[in-house]
């Protein structure tokens, strides 16, 4: 049988892992969105198709 302390550690660990996972997903999405916006702005301002191509492949 699990003791209260073991149960707490188990719940705390799973909660922490879920928070880390959600934070990572949010961070990655924010980086992707920010990068896409920056690339679009830069491409529009410079009119350079190389920048767009580079943004797509990175």
N, C-alpha and C. Protein backbone atom coordinates (compact mmCIF):
# COMPACT_ATOMS: atom_id res chain seq x y z
N UNK A 1 0.83 -1.21 0.00
CA UNK A 1 0.00 0.00 0.00
C UNK A 1 0.87 1.26 0.00
N UNK A 2 0.42 2.27 -0.71
CA UNK A 2 1.16 3.52 -0.76
C UNK A 2 0.94 4.33 0.51
N UNK A 3 2.02 4.84 1.04
CA UNK A 3 1.87 5.73 2.20
C UNK A 3 1.45 7.11 1.69
N UNK A 4 1.03 7.96 2.59
CA UNK A 4 0.59 9.31 2.21
C UNK A 4 1.73 10.08 1.54
N UNK A 5 2.94 9.88 2.08
CA UNK A 5 4.09 10.60 1.53
C UNK A 5 4.39 10.14 0.10
N UNK A 6 4.35 8.82 -0.12
CA UNK A 6 4.60 8.30 -1.47
C UNK A 6 3.54 8.79 -2.45
N UNK A 7 2.30 8.80 -1.99
CA UNK A 7 1.20 9.27 -2.82
C UNK A 7 1.39 10.75 -3.18
N UNK A 8 1.79 11.55 -2.19
CA UNK A 8 2.04 12.98 -2.42
C UNK A 8 3.14 13.19 -3.44
N UNK A 9 4.23 12.45 -3.29
CA UNK A 9 5.36 12.56 -4.22
C UNK A 9 4.92 12.18 -5.64
N UNK A 10 4.13 11.10 -5.71
CA UNK A 10 3.64 10.64 -7.00
C UNK A 10 2.77 11.71 -7.68
N UNK A 11 1.82 12.25 -6.92
CA UNK A 11 0.91 13.28 -7.46
C UNK A 11 1.69 14.55 -7.82
N UNK A 12 2.58 14.98 -6.92
CA UNK A 12 3.36 16.19 -7.16
C UNK A 12 4.24 16.03 -8.41
N UNK A 13 4.84 14.86 -8.57
CA UNK A 13 5.71 14.62 -9.73
C UNK A 13 4.91 14.63 -11.02
N UNK A 14 3.76 13.96 -11.03
CA UNK A 14 2.96 13.92 -12.25
C UNK A 14 2.42 15.31 -12.59
N UNK A 15 2.02 16.08 -11.56
CA UNK A 15 1.54 17.44 -11.78
C UNK A 15 2.66 18.33 -12.34
N UNK A 16 3.85 18.19 -11.75
CA UNK A 16 4.99 18.98 -12.20
C UNK A 16 5.34 18.64 -13.64
N UNK A 17 5.34 17.36 -13.99
CA UNK A 17 5.66 16.94 -15.36
C UNK A 17 4.62 17.50 -16.34
N UNK A 18 3.37 17.52 -15.92
CA UNK A 18 2.32 18.05 -16.79
C UNK A 18 2.51 19.55 -17.01
N UNK A 19 2.85 20.27 -15.94
CA UNK A 19 3.10 21.71 -16.05
C UNK A 19 4.28 21.97 -16.99
N UNK A 20 5.35 21.18 -16.83
CA UNK A 20 6.54 21.34 -17.68
C UNK A 20 6.17 21.07 -19.14
N UNK A 21 5.39 20.00 -19.36
CA UNK A 21 4.98 19.66 -20.72
C UNK A 21 4.15 20.77 -21.35
N UNK A 22 3.17 21.30 -20.60
CA UNK A 22 2.32 22.39 -21.10
C UNK A 22 3.17 23.63 -21.38
N UNK A 23 4.09 23.94 -20.47
CA UNK A 23 4.95 25.11 -20.65
C UNK A 23 5.82 24.95 -21.90
N UNK A 24 6.33 23.75 -22.11
CA UNK A 24 7.16 23.51 -23.29
C UNK A 24 6.36 23.67 -24.57
N UNK A 25 5.14 23.13 -24.58
CA UNK A 25 4.29 23.25 -25.77
C UNK A 25 3.98 24.73 -26.05
N UNK A 26 3.62 25.47 -25.00
CA UNK A 26 3.32 26.90 -25.16
C UNK A 26 4.54 27.66 -25.65
N UNK A 27 5.71 27.36 -25.06
CA UNK A 27 6.94 28.06 -25.45
C UNK A 27 7.27 27.80 -26.91
N UNK A 28 7.19 26.54 -27.32
CA UNK A 28 7.49 26.18 -28.71
C UNK A 28 6.52 26.89 -29.66
N UNK A 29 5.23 26.89 -29.31
CA UNK A 29 4.24 27.54 -30.17
C UNK A 29 4.50 29.05 -30.25
N UNK A 30 4.84 29.66 -29.12
CA UNK A 30 5.12 31.10 -29.12
C UNK A 30 6.34 31.41 -29.99
N UNK A 31 7.37 30.59 -29.89
CA UNK A 31 8.58 30.79 -30.70
C UNK A 31 8.24 30.65 -32.18
N UNK A 32 7.48 29.62 -32.53
CA UNK A 32 7.09 29.39 -33.93
C UNK A 32 6.28 30.57 -34.46
N UNK A 33 5.30 31.02 -33.66
CA UNK A 33 4.44 32.14 -34.07
C UNK A 33 5.27 33.42 -34.21
N UNK A 34 6.10 33.71 -33.20
CA UNK A 34 6.92 34.92 -33.23
C UNK A 34 7.86 34.91 -34.43
N UNK A 35 8.43 33.75 -34.70
CA UNK A 35 9.35 33.63 -35.81
C UNK A 35 8.64 33.81 -37.15
N UNK A 36 7.46 33.23 -37.27
CA UNK A 36 6.68 33.35 -38.49
C UNK A 36 6.31 34.82 -38.74
N UNK A 37 5.90 35.52 -37.68
CA UNK A 37 5.54 36.94 -37.79
C UNK A 37 6.76 37.75 -38.17
N UNK A 38 7.90 37.50 -37.51
CA UNK A 38 9.12 38.23 -37.80
C UNK A 38 9.56 37.99 -39.24
N UNK A 39 9.51 36.73 -39.67
CA UNK A 39 9.91 36.39 -41.04
C UNK A 39 9.00 37.07 -42.05
N UNK A 40 7.70 37.08 -41.78
CA UNK A 40 6.75 37.72 -42.70
C UNK A 40 7.02 39.22 -42.77
N UNK A 41 7.21 39.87 -41.62
CA UNK A 41 7.50 41.30 -41.59
C UNK A 41 8.78 41.62 -42.34
N UNK A 42 9.81 40.82 -42.09
CA UNK A 42 11.11 41.06 -42.72
C UNK A 42 11.01 40.88 -44.23
N UNK A 43 10.29 39.84 -44.66
CA UNK A 43 10.14 39.58 -46.08
C UNK A 43 9.35 40.70 -46.77
N UNK A 44 8.31 41.19 -46.11
CA UNK A 44 7.50 42.27 -46.67
C UNK A 44 8.34 43.54 -46.77
N UNK A 45 9.10 43.84 -45.73
CA UNK A 45 9.89 45.07 -45.70
C UNK A 45 11.02 45.04 -46.74
N UNK A 46 11.68 43.89 -46.88
CA UNK A 46 12.83 43.82 -47.77
C UNK A 46 12.46 43.35 -49.17
N UNK A 47 11.31 42.68 -49.28
CA UNK A 47 10.89 42.13 -50.57
C UNK A 47 11.83 41.03 -51.03
N UNK A 48 12.48 40.34 -50.07
CA UNK A 48 13.49 39.36 -50.41
C UNK A 48 12.93 37.95 -50.31
N UNK A 49 12.89 37.21 -51.40
CA UNK A 49 12.34 35.86 -51.39
C UNK A 49 13.28 34.87 -50.71
N UNK A 50 14.58 35.20 -50.65
CA UNK A 50 15.55 34.33 -49.97
C UNK A 50 15.23 34.21 -48.49
N UNK A 51 14.79 35.30 -47.89
CA UNK A 51 14.45 35.29 -46.47
C UNK A 51 13.29 34.35 -46.22
N UNK A 52 12.27 34.42 -47.07
CA UNK A 52 11.12 33.54 -46.93
C UNK A 52 11.53 32.08 -47.07
N UNK A 53 12.36 31.79 -48.04
CA UNK A 53 12.82 30.42 -48.26
C UNK A 53 13.59 29.93 -47.05
N UNK A 54 14.44 30.78 -46.51
CA UNK A 54 15.25 30.41 -45.35
C UNK A 54 14.37 30.15 -44.13
N UNK A 55 13.35 30.98 -43.95
CA UNK A 55 12.44 30.81 -42.82
C UNK A 55 11.67 29.50 -42.92
N UNK A 56 11.34 29.10 -44.13
CA UNK A 56 10.60 27.86 -44.32
C UNK A 56 11.43 26.64 -43.97
N UNK A 57 12.71 26.67 -44.30
CA UNK A 57 13.54 25.48 -44.14
C UNK A 57 14.19 25.35 -42.77
N UNK A 58 14.24 26.44 -42.00
CA UNK A 58 14.89 26.38 -40.69
C UNK A 58 13.99 25.76 -39.66
